[in-house]
C-alpha atoms as a PDB file:
ATOM      1  CA  MET A   1     165.847  13.867 280.067  1.00  0.00           C
ATOM      2  CA  LEU A   2     164.182  14.107 277.081  1.00  0.00           C
ATOM      3  CA  ASN A   3     164.734  10.314 276.836  1.00  0.00           C
ATOM      4  CA  SER A   4     162.439   9.782 279.829  1.00  0.00           C
ATOM      5  CA  LEU A   5     160.024  11.507 278.592  1.00  0.00           C
ATOM      6  CA  TYR A   6     160.277   9.948 274.783  1.00  0.00           C
ATOM      7  CA  ILE A   7     159.734   6.946 277.310  1.00  0.00           C
ATOM      8  CA  GLY A   8     157.483   7.393 279.396  1.00  0.00           C
ATOM      9  CA  ALA A   9     155.400   8.426 275.613  1.00  0.00           C
ATOM     10  CA  THR A  10     156.056   5.000 274.566  1.00  0.00           C
ATOM     11  CA  GLY A  11     154.722   3.391 277.262  1.00  0.00           C
ATOM     12  CA  LEU A  12     151.309   5.644 276.900  1.00  0.00           C
ATOM     13  CA  HIS A  13     150.617   4.737 273.311  1.00  0.00           C
ATOM     14  CA  ALA A  14     151.443   0.481 274.183  1.00  0.00           C
ATOM     15  CA  GLN A  15     148.928   1.037 277.481  1.00  0.00           C
ATOM     16  CA  GLN A  16     146.450   2.310 275.356  1.00  0.00           C
ATOM     17  CA  MET A  17     146.194   0.425 272.402  1.00  0.00           C
ATOM     18  CA  TYR A  18     146.702  -2.325 275.529  1.00  0.00           C
ATOM     19  CA  VAL A  19     143.239  -0.944 276.574  1.00  0.00           C
ATOM     20  CA  ASP A  20     141.445  -0.654 273.435  1.00  0.00           C
ATOM     21  CA  THR A  21     141.937  -4.516 272.559  1.00  0.00           C
ATOM     22  CA  ILE A  22     140.114  -4.781 276.182  1.00  0.00           C
ATOM     23  CA  ALA A  23     137.867  -2.922 275.711  1.00  0.00           C
ATOM     24  CA  ASN A  24     136.950  -4.385 272.062  1.00  0.00           C
ATOM     25  CA  ASN A  25     137.056  -7.903 274.239  1.00  0.00           C
ATOM     26  CA  LEU A  26     134.670  -6.602 276.708  1.00  0.00           C
ATOM     27  CA  ALA A  27     132.183  -5.451 274.585  1.00  0.00           C
ATOM     28  CA  ASN A  28     131.907  -8.594 272.406  1.00  0.00           C
ATOM     29  CA  VAL A  29     131.748 -10.795 275.616  1.00  0.00           C
ATOM     30  CA  ASN A  30     127.923 -11.807 274.205  1.00  0.00           C
ATOM     31  CA  THR A  31     128.720 -11.928 270.610  1.00  0.00           C
ATOM     32  CA  PRO A  32     128.926 -16.148 269.435  1.00  0.00           C
ATOM     33  CA  GLY A  33     131.779 -16.808 267.659  1.00  0.00           C
ATOM     34  CA  TYR A  34     133.715 -13.592 268.797  1.00  0.00           C
ATOM     35  CA  LYS A  35     137.537 -14.554 269.109  1.00  0.00           C
ATOM     36  CA  LYS A  36     139.672 -11.948 271.942  1.00  0.00           C
ATOM     37  CA  SER A  37     142.733 -10.410 270.762  1.00  0.00           C
ATOM     38  CA  ARG A  38     145.787 -10.031 272.818  1.00  0.00           C
ATOM     39  CA  VAL A  39     148.283  -7.622 272.796  1.00  0.00           C
ATOM     40  CA  ASP A  40     152.269  -8.417 272.934  1.00  0.00           C
ATOM     41  CA  PHE A  41     154.819  -6.516 274.313  1.00  0.00           C
ATOM     42  CA  GLN A  42     158.358  -5.944 273.713  1.00  0.00           C
ATOM     43  CA  ASP A  43     161.396  -3.595 274.722  1.00  0.00           C
ATOM     44  CA  LEU A  44     162.266  -1.109 272.258  1.00  0.00           C
ATOM     45  CA  MET A  45     166.125  -0.804 270.500  1.00  0.00           C
ATOM     46  CA  TYR A  46     169.171  -0.354 273.410  1.00  0.00           C
ATOM     47  CA  ARG A  47     171.556   1.918 272.740  1.00  0.00           C
ATOM     48  CA  GLU A  48     175.304   2.193 274.182  1.00  0.00           C
ATOM     49  CA  LEU A  49     175.507   4.754 276.899  1.00  0.00           C
ATOM     50  CA  SER A  50     179.467   4.993 276.690  1.00  0.00           C
ATOM     51  CA  LYS A  51     182.030   2.732 276.058  1.00  0.00           C
ATOM     52  CA  ILE A  52     185.559   2.483 278.196  1.00  0.00           C
ATOM     53  CA  ASN A  53     189.123   1.736 276.696  1.00  0.00           C
ATOM     54  CA  SER A  54     189.714  -1.949 278.034  1.00  0.00           C
ATOM     55  CA  PRO A  55     193.503  -2.799 278.812  1.00  0.00           C
ATOM     56  CA  ASP A  56     194.229  -4.856 275.829  1.00  0.00           C
ATOM     57  CA  GLY A  57     193.087  -1.316 273.451  1.00  0.00           C
ATOM     58  CA  THR A  58     189.210  -2.895 272.948  1.00  0.00           C
ATOM     59  CA  GLN A  59     186.093  -0.920 273.615  1.00  0.00           C
ATOM     60  CA  GLN A  60     183.664  -2.401 275.784  1.00  0.00           C
ATOM     61  CA  THR A  61     180.459  -0.833 276.889  1.00  0.00           C
ATOM     62  CA  LEU A  62     180.016   0.502 280.105  1.00  0.00           C
ATOM     63  CA  GLN A  63     176.468   0.528 280.046  1.00  0.00           C
ATOM     64  CA  ARG A  64     173.480   0.068 277.341  1.00  0.00           C
ATOM     65  CA  LEU A  65     169.991   2.303 277.115  1.00  0.00           C
ATOM     66  CA  GLY A  66     166.646   1.295 276.399  1.00  0.00           C
ATOM     67  CA  SER A  67     164.481   3.287 274.576  1.00  0.00           C
ATOM     68  CA  GLY A  68     160.925   2.251 276.373  1.00  0.00           C
ATOM     69  CA  VAL A  69     158.346  -0.165 275.396  1.00  0.00           C
ATOM     70  CA  GLY A  70     156.268  -1.190 271.905  1.00  0.00           C
ATOM     71  CA  VAL A  71     153.956  -3.362 270.675  1.00  0.00           C
ATOM     72  CA  ALA A  72     155.666  -6.985 268.820  1.00  0.00           C
ATOM     73  CA  ASN A  73     152.315  -8.127 268.393  1.00  0.00           C
ATOM     74  CA  ALA A  74     147.778  -7.907 268.035  1.00  0.00           C
ATOM     75  CA  GLU A  75     146.318 -10.995 267.266  1.00  0.00           C
ATOM     76  CA  LYS A  76     143.360 -13.392 267.646  1.00  0.00           C
ATOM     77  CA  VAL A  77     143.329 -16.030 270.100  1.00  0.00           C
ATOM     78  CA  PHE A  78     141.733 -18.998 268.759  1.00  0.00           C
ATOM     79  CA  ALA A  79     140.649 -20.430 271.970  1.00  0.00           C
ATOM     80  CA  ALA A  80     137.343 -22.666 271.326  1.00  0.00           C
ATOM     81  CA  GLY A  81     134.536 -21.394 273.534  1.00  0.00           C
ATOM     82  CA  ASP A  82     131.352 -22.080 275.419  1.00  0.00           C
ATOM     83  CA  VAL A  83     129.243 -24.133 273.266  1.00  0.00           C
ATOM     84  CA  LYS A  84     125.247 -22.889 273.762  1.00  0.00           C
ATOM     85  CA  LYS A  85     122.105 -25.546 272.933  1.00  0.00           C
ATOM     86  CA  THR A  86     119.693 -23.538 271.031  1.00  0.00           C
ATOM     87  CA  ASP A  87     117.861 -26.039 268.833  1.00  0.00           C
ATOM     88  CA  ALA A  88     117.807 -24.356 266.106  1.00  0.00           C
ATOM     89  CA  PRO A  89     118.583 -26.188 262.936  1.00  0.00           C
ATOM     90  CA  LEU A  90     119.773 -23.735 261.574  1.00  0.00           C
ATOM     91  CA  ASP A  91     122.258 -22.655 264.363  1.00  0.00           C
ATOM     92  CA  LEU A  92     125.747 -25.062 263.772  1.00  0.00           C
ATOM     93  CA  ALA A  93     128.840 -24.870 265.960  1.00  0.00           C
ATOM     94  CA  ILE A  94     132.422 -26.054 264.898  1.00  0.00           C
ATOM     95  CA  GLN A  95     133.484 -28.837 267.904  1.00  0.00           C
ATOM     96  CA  GLY A  96     137.159 -28.364 267.135  1.00  0.00           C
ATOM     97  CA  ASP A  97     139.605 -26.952 264.630  1.00  0.00           C
ATOM     98  CA  GLY A  98     138.357 -25.163 261.674  1.00  0.00           C
ATOM     99  CA  PHE A  99     136.054 -22.042 259.638  1.00  0.00           C
ATOM    100  CA  PHE A 100     133.049 -21.351 257.116  1.00  0.00           C
ATOM    101  CA  GLU A 101     133.993 -20.375 254.295  1.00  0.00           C
ATOM    102  CA  VAL A 102     131.604 -17.861 252.964  1.00  0.00           C
ATOM    103  CA  VAL A 103     131.830 -15.483 249.276  1.00  0.00           C
ATOM    104  CA  LEU A 104     132.370 -12.047 249.937  1.00  0.00           C
ATOM    105  CA  PRO A 105     130.313  -9.643 247.639  1.00  0.00           C
ATOM    106  CA  ASP A 106     133.043  -8.710 245.313  1.00  0.00           C
ATOM    107  CA  GLY A 107     133.935 -12.430 244.979  1.00  0.00           C
ATOM    108  CA  SER A 108     136.583 -12.953 247.390  1.00  0.00           C
ATOM    109  CA  GLN A 109     136.870 -15.615 249.851  1.00  0.00           C
ATOM    110  CA  ALA A 110     136.587 -14.901 253.987  1.00  0.00           C
ATOM    111  CA  PHE A 111     136.548 -17.021 257.084  1.00  0.00           C
ATOM    112  CA  SER A 112     134.508 -17.470 260.657  1.00  0.00           C
ATOM    113  CA  ARG A 113     133.621 -19.217 263.455  1.00  0.00           C
ATOM    114  CA  GLY A 114     129.872 -17.848 264.230  1.00  0.00           C
ATOM    115  CA  GLY A 115     127.510 -20.859 262.763  1.00  0.00           C
ATOM    116  CA  SER A 116     124.285 -18.756 263.183  1.00  0.00           C
ATOM    117  CA  LEU A 117     123.229 -19.325 259.190  1.00  0.00           C
ATOM    118  CA  LYS A 118     120.127 -18.350 257.271  1.00  0.00           C
ATOM    119  CA  ILE A 119     118.485 -19.213 254.230  1.00  0.00           C
ATOM    120  CA  ASN A 120     118.417 -15.690 251.932  1.00  0.00           C
ATOM    121  CA  SER A 121     116.451 -14.440 249.429  1.00  0.00           C
ATOM    122  CA  ASP A 122     117.569 -16.344 246.637  1.00  0.00           C
ATOM    123  CA  GLY A 123     117.083 -19.796 248.392  1.00  0.00           C
ATOM    124  CA  MET A 124     121.149 -19.862 249.401  1.00  0.00           C
ATOM    125  CA  LEU A 125     122.136 -21.229 252.634  1.00  0.00           C
ATOM    126  CA  SER A 126     124.352 -17.713 254.208  1.00  0.00           C
ATOM    127  CA  THR A 127     125.463 -15.912 257.171  1.00  0.00           C
ATOM    128  CA  THR A 128     123.068 -14.014 258.894  1.00  0.00           C
ATOM    129  CA  GLU A 129     124.764 -11.187 257.213  1.00  0.00           C
ATOM    130  CA  GLY A 130     124.143 -12.924 254.024  1.00  0.00           C
ATOM    131  CA  TYR A 131     127.535 -14.471 252.440  1.00  0.00           C
ATOM    132  CA  ARG A 132     126.432 -17.398 251.199  1.00  0.00           C
ATOM    133  CA  LEU A 133     128.630 -20.149 252.745  1.00  0.00           C
ATOM    134  CA  ARG A 134     130.893 -21.555 249.585  1.00  0.00           C
ATOM    135  CA  ALA A 135     129.299 -24.207 249.414  1.00  0.00           C
ATOM    136  CA  SER A 136     126.645 -23.072 247.714  1.00  0.00           C
ATOM    137  CA  ILE A 137     123.577 -25.498 248.813  1.00  0.00           C
ATOM    138  CA  HIS A 138     120.584 -24.504 247.831  1.00  0.00           C
ATOM    139  CA  VAL A 139     117.093 -25.143 250.314  1.00  0.00           C
ATOM    140  CA  PRO A 140     114.077 -25.367 248.271  1.00  0.00           C
ATOM    141  CA  SER A 141     111.366 -23.098 248.875  1.00  0.00           C
ATOM    142  CA  ASP A 142     108.784 -26.110 250.539  1.00  0.00           C
ATOM    143  CA  ALA A 143     111.056 -27.396 251.866  1.00  0.00           C
ATOM    144  CA  LYS A 144     109.922 -28.812 255.685  1.00  0.00           C
ATOM    145  CA  GLN A 145     112.868 -29.813 257.993  1.00  0.00           C
ATOM    146  CA  MET A 146     116.573 -29.722 257.300  1.00  0.00           C
ATOM    147  CA  SER A 147     119.443 -31.549 259.193  1.00  0.00           C
ATOM    148  CA  VAL A 148     123.055 -30.981 259.369  1.00  0.00           C
ATOM    149  CA  SER A 149     125.045 -34.373 259.693  1.00  0.00           C
ATOM    150  CA  ALA A 150     128.096 -34.230 262.076  1.00  0.00           C
ATOM    151  CA  ASP A 151     130.790 -34.037 258.648  1.00  0.00           C
ATOM    152  CA  GLY A 152     128.468 -31.625 257.507  1.00  0.00           C
ATOM    153  CA  HIS A 153     125.971 -33.229 254.978  1.00  0.00           C
ATOM    154  CA  VAL A 154     122.499 -30.992 254.505  1.00  0.00           C
ATOM    155  CA  LEU A 155     119.544 -33.299 254.513  1.00  0.00           C
ATOM    156  CA  VAL A 156     116.012 -31.772 253.392  1.00  0.00           C
ATOM    157  CA  THR A 157     112.795 -33.274 253.495  1.00  0.00           C
ATOM    158  CA  THR A 158     109.727 -31.198 251.560  1.00  0.00           C
ATOM    159  CA  ALA A 159     106.200 -31.555 250.647  1.00  0.00           C
ATOM    160  CA  ALA A 160     106.521 -33.514 247.344  1.00  0.00           C
ATOM    161  CA  ASN A 161     109.082 -35.306 248.667  1.00  0.00           C
ATOM    162  CA  LYS A 162     109.233 -37.002 252.616  1.00  0.00           C
ATOM    163  CA  ALA A 163     112.348 -38.755 251.992  1.00  0.00           C
ATOM    164  CA  ALA A 164     115.505 -36.906 252.699  1.00  0.00           C
ATOM    165  CA  SER A 165     117.408 -35.220 249.996  1.00  0.00           C
ATOM    166  CA  ASP A 166     121.226 -34.246 250.130  1.00  0.00           C
ATOM    167  CA  LEU A 167     122.197 -30.682 249.525  1.00  0.00           C
ATOM    168  CA  GLY A 168     125.446 -30.589 249.809  1.00  0.00           C
ATOM    169  CA  GLN A 169     128.057 -30.618 252.044  1.00  0.00           C
ATOM    170  CA  ILE A 170     129.777 -28.102 253.924  1.00  0.00           C
ATOM    171  CA  GLU A 171     133.949 -28.058 254.462  1.00  0.00           C
ATOM    172  CA  LEU A 172     135.749 -27.024 257.449  1.00  0.00           C
ATOM    173  CA  ALA A 173     139.243 -24.809 256.264  1.00  0.00           C
ATOM    174  CA  LYS A 174     142.031 -24.584 259.001  1.00  0.00           C
ATOM    175  CA  PHE A 175     145.240 -22.849 258.811  1.00  0.00           C
ATOM    176  CA  ALA A 176     148.263 -24.009 260.311  1.00  0.00           C
ATOM    177  CA  ASN A 177     148.302 -20.405 262.050  1.00  0.00           C
ATOM    178  CA  PRO A 178     145.034 -18.791 262.535  1.00  0.00           C
ATOM    179  CA  GLY A 179     146.222 -16.279 264.654  1.00  0.00           C
ATOM    180  CA  GLY A 180     147.899 -14.699 261.916  1.00  0.00           C
ATOM    181  CA  LEU A 181     144.781 -13.990 259.921  1.00  0.00           C
ATOM    182  CA  LYS A 182     143.087 -10.422 258.866  1.00  0.00           C
ATOM    183  CA  PRO A 183     140.265  -9.774 260.694  1.00  0.00           C
ATOM    184  CA  LEU A 184     137.351  -8.513 258.680  1.00  0.00           C
ATOM    185  CA  GLY A 185     134.543  -7.388 261.260  1.00  0.00           C
ATOM    186  CA  ASP A 186     131.299  -9.151 261.779  1.00  0.00           C
ATOM    187  CA  ASN A 187     133.214 -12.421 263.027  1.00  0.00           C
ATOM    188  CA  LEU A 188     134.860 -12.820 259.334  1.00  0.00           C
ATOM    189  CA  TYR A 189     138.481 -13.227 259.038  1.00  0.00           C
ATOM    190  CA  ARG A 190     141.044 -13.332 255.929  1.00  0.00           C
ATOM    191  CA  VAL A 191     144.307 -15.374 254.851  1.00  0.00           C
ATOM    192  CA  SER A 192     147.187 -12.881 255.156  1.00  0.00           C
ATOM    193  CA  ASP A 193     151.108 -14.062 254.683  1.00  0.00           C
ATOM    194  CA  GLY A 194     151.375 -15.015 258.443  1.00  0.00           C
ATOM    195  CA  SER A 195     148.056 -17.547 258.380  1.00  0.00           C
ATOM    196  CA  GLY A 196     149.683 -19.640 255.415  1.00  0.00           C
ATOM    197  CA  ASP A 197     147.200 -20.987 252.945  1.00  0.00           C
ATOM    198  CA  ALA A 198     143.846 -22.577 254.076  1.00  0.00           C
ATOM    199  CA  VAL A 199     143.775 -26.250 253.804  1.00  0.00           C
ATOM    200  CA  TYR A 200     139.957 -27.611 253.668  1.00  0.00           C
ATOM    201  CA  GLY A 201     138.350 -31.227 254.803  1.00  0.00           C
ATOM    202  CA  LYS A 202     135.421 -32.731 255.843  1.00  0.00           C
ATOM    203  CA  ALA A 203     133.916 -32.231 259.418  1.00  0.00           C
ATOM    204  CA  GLY A 204     135.234 -34.695 261.495  1.00  0.00           C
ATOM    205  CA  ASP A 205     137.867 -35.953 259.694  1.00  0.00           C
ATOM    206  CA  ASP A 206     141.563 -36.085 261.149  1.00  0.00           C
ATOM    207  CA  GLY A 207     142.452 -32.446 262.266  1.00  0.00           C
ATOM    208  CA  PHE A 208     139.255 -31.245 261.688  1.00  0.00           C
ATOM    209  CA  GLY A 209     136.382 -30.390 264.274  1.00  0.00           C
ATOM    210  CA  GLY A 210     133.072 -32.270 264.265  1.00  0.00           C
ATOM    211  CA  ILE A 211     129.688 -29.784 263.280  1.00  0.00           C
ATOM    212  CA  ALA A 212     126.959 -29.634 266.136  1.00  0.00           C
ATOM    213  CA  GLN A 213     123.924 -28.404 264.692  1.00  0.00           C
ATOM    214  CA  GLY A 214     121.169 -27.204 266.978  1.00  0.00           C
ATOM    215  CA  PHE A 215     124.626 -25.243 268.560  1.00  0.00           C
ATOM    216  CA  LEU A 216     126.268 -21.994 268.469  1.00  0.00           C
ATOM    217  CA  GLU A 217     129.435 -21.308 270.161  1.00  0.00           C
ATOM    218  CA  LEU A 218     129.927 -18.383 272.052  1.00  0.00           C
ATOM    219  CA  SER A 219     133.278 -15.698 272.800  1.00  0.00           C
ATOM    220  CA  ASN A 220     136.171 -17.102 274.285  1.00  0.00           C
ATOM    221  CA  VAL A 221     136.857 -13.427 275.983  1.00  0.00           C
ATOM    222  CA  ASN A 222     136.421 -13.893 279.908  1.00  0.00           C
ATOM    223  CA  PHE A 223     135.250 -11.130 281.454  1.00  0.00           C
ATOM    224  CA  ASN A 224     136.844 -11.778 284.423  1.00  0.00           C
ATOM    225  CA  ASP A 225     140.494 -12.118 283.046  1.00  0.00           C
ATOM    226  CA  GLU A 226     139.453  -9.189 281.091  1.00  0.00           C
ATOM    227  CA  MET A 227     138.744  -6.747 283.819  1.00  0.00           C
ATOM    228  CA  VAL A 228     142.095  -7.809 285.443  1.00  0.00           C
ATOM    229  CA  ASN A 229     143.609  -6.766 282.795  1.00  0.00           C
ATOM    230  CA  LEU A 230     142.491  -4.115 282.195  1.00  0.00           C
ATOM    231  CA  THR A 231     143.098  -3.014 285.607  1.00  0.00           C
ATOM    232  CA  VAL A 232     146.746  -3.609 285.067  1.00  0.00           C
ATOM    233  CA  ALA A 233     147.013  -1.785 282.223  1.00  0.00           C
ATOM    234  CA  GLN A 234     145.441   1.075 283.620  1.00  0.00           C
ATOM    235  CA  ARG A 235     147.293   0.721 286.381  1.00  0.00           C
ATOM    236  CA  ALA A 236     150.841   0.791 283.810  1.00  0.00           C
ATOM    237  CA  TYR A 237     149.303   3.916 282.626  1.00  0.00           C
ATOM    238  CA  GLU A 238     149.137   6.048 285.224  1.00  0.00           C
ATOM    239  CA  VAL A 239     152.758   4.772 286.108  1.00  0.00           C
ATOM    240  CA  ASN A 240     153.549   6.197 282.507  1.00  0.00           C
ATOM    241  CA  THR A 241     152.261   9.377 283.023  1.00  0.00           C
ATOM    242  CA  ARG A 242     153.788   9.815 286.705  1.00  0.00           C
ATOM    243  CA  LEU A 243     156.846   9.625 284.670  1.00  0.00           C
ATOM    244  CA  ILE A 244     156.363  12.009 282.595  1.00  0.00           C
ATOM    245  CA  GLN A 245     155.432  14.286 285.044  1.00  0.00           C
ATOM    246  CA  ILE A 246     157.901  13.492 287.585  1.00  0.00           C
ATOM    247  CA  SER A 247     160.651  13.943 283.778  1.00  0.00           C
ATOM    248  CA  ASP A 248     159.050  17.417 283.447  1.00  0.00           C
ATOM    249  CA  GLU A 249     159.166  18.677 286.882  1.00  0.00           C
ATOM    250  CA  LEU A 250     162.934  17.407 286.866  1.00  0.00           C
ATOM    251  CA  MET A 251     163.516  19.616 283.811  1.00  0.00           C
ATOM    252  CA  SER A 252     161.783  22.800 285.478  1.00  0.00           C
ATOM    253  CA  LEU A 253     163.905  22.639 288.436  1.00  0.00           C
ATOM    254  CA  SER A 254     167.169  22.311 286.071  1.00  0.00           C
ATOM    255  CA  ASN A 255     166.208  25.116 284.152  1.00  0.00           C
ATOM    256  CA  ASN A 256     165.550  27.249 287.415  1.00  0.00           C
ATOM    257  CA  MET A 257     169.116  26.073 288.856  1.00  0.00           C
ATOM    258  CA  ARG A 258     170.364  27.673 285.588  1.00  0.00           C
ATOM    259  CA  ARG A 259     168.733  31.150 286.163  1.00  0.00           C
ATOM    260  CA  ASN A 260     170.064  31.245 288.908  1.00  0.00           C
END
């Protein structure tokens, strides 16, 4: 009977994590570049309940009993989101595989799919959160027009020079297993053992997506799918709660029988 209480508790813990994950996905349904999370479950260790002796003298397992459910993995799903036309010159969308690389305040690198950029106080091309791009592209203060080509070249015209100047090229990074990246918040991810090392290349080259200026990649969260998943998770949570209640009632009944 104690086993059923423990099994029910593992179910509650697993479904609570599932609900929390879905809630975070729904909260970010309108966050540009957000990638939804997914929880995978696995059955826990099985143990032998009893054994019998076979005619040849060896022991055979009569039955095996499971120990409940656990979370096998929780990872990001990097399927592409819809692309929205904004016509803003600092909005960049990656159409295909790849990440922008940015430099964090401590000097370490992180990666992002969010392409809403700005020019910071130092004139560097940065994310809206203030993390500058690894390409270290400095935009002159008198820049009048900026364009970004599909292969990542940043071109500007100034009041003094109406001919377009090439400020540099934005490279992209990709990973063997992007789902293994470690999320940091602000749509940023860090390399982990599960993701593998970053592979760099030019936008539009084989295996890398192109860059579209004036567009933003939206969240890849599907509202309807998440609501269905939430309903399933809530029902599973209720079932595990009922399992614990029934186990408690049976234990109480057993105790009362012994007293009588």
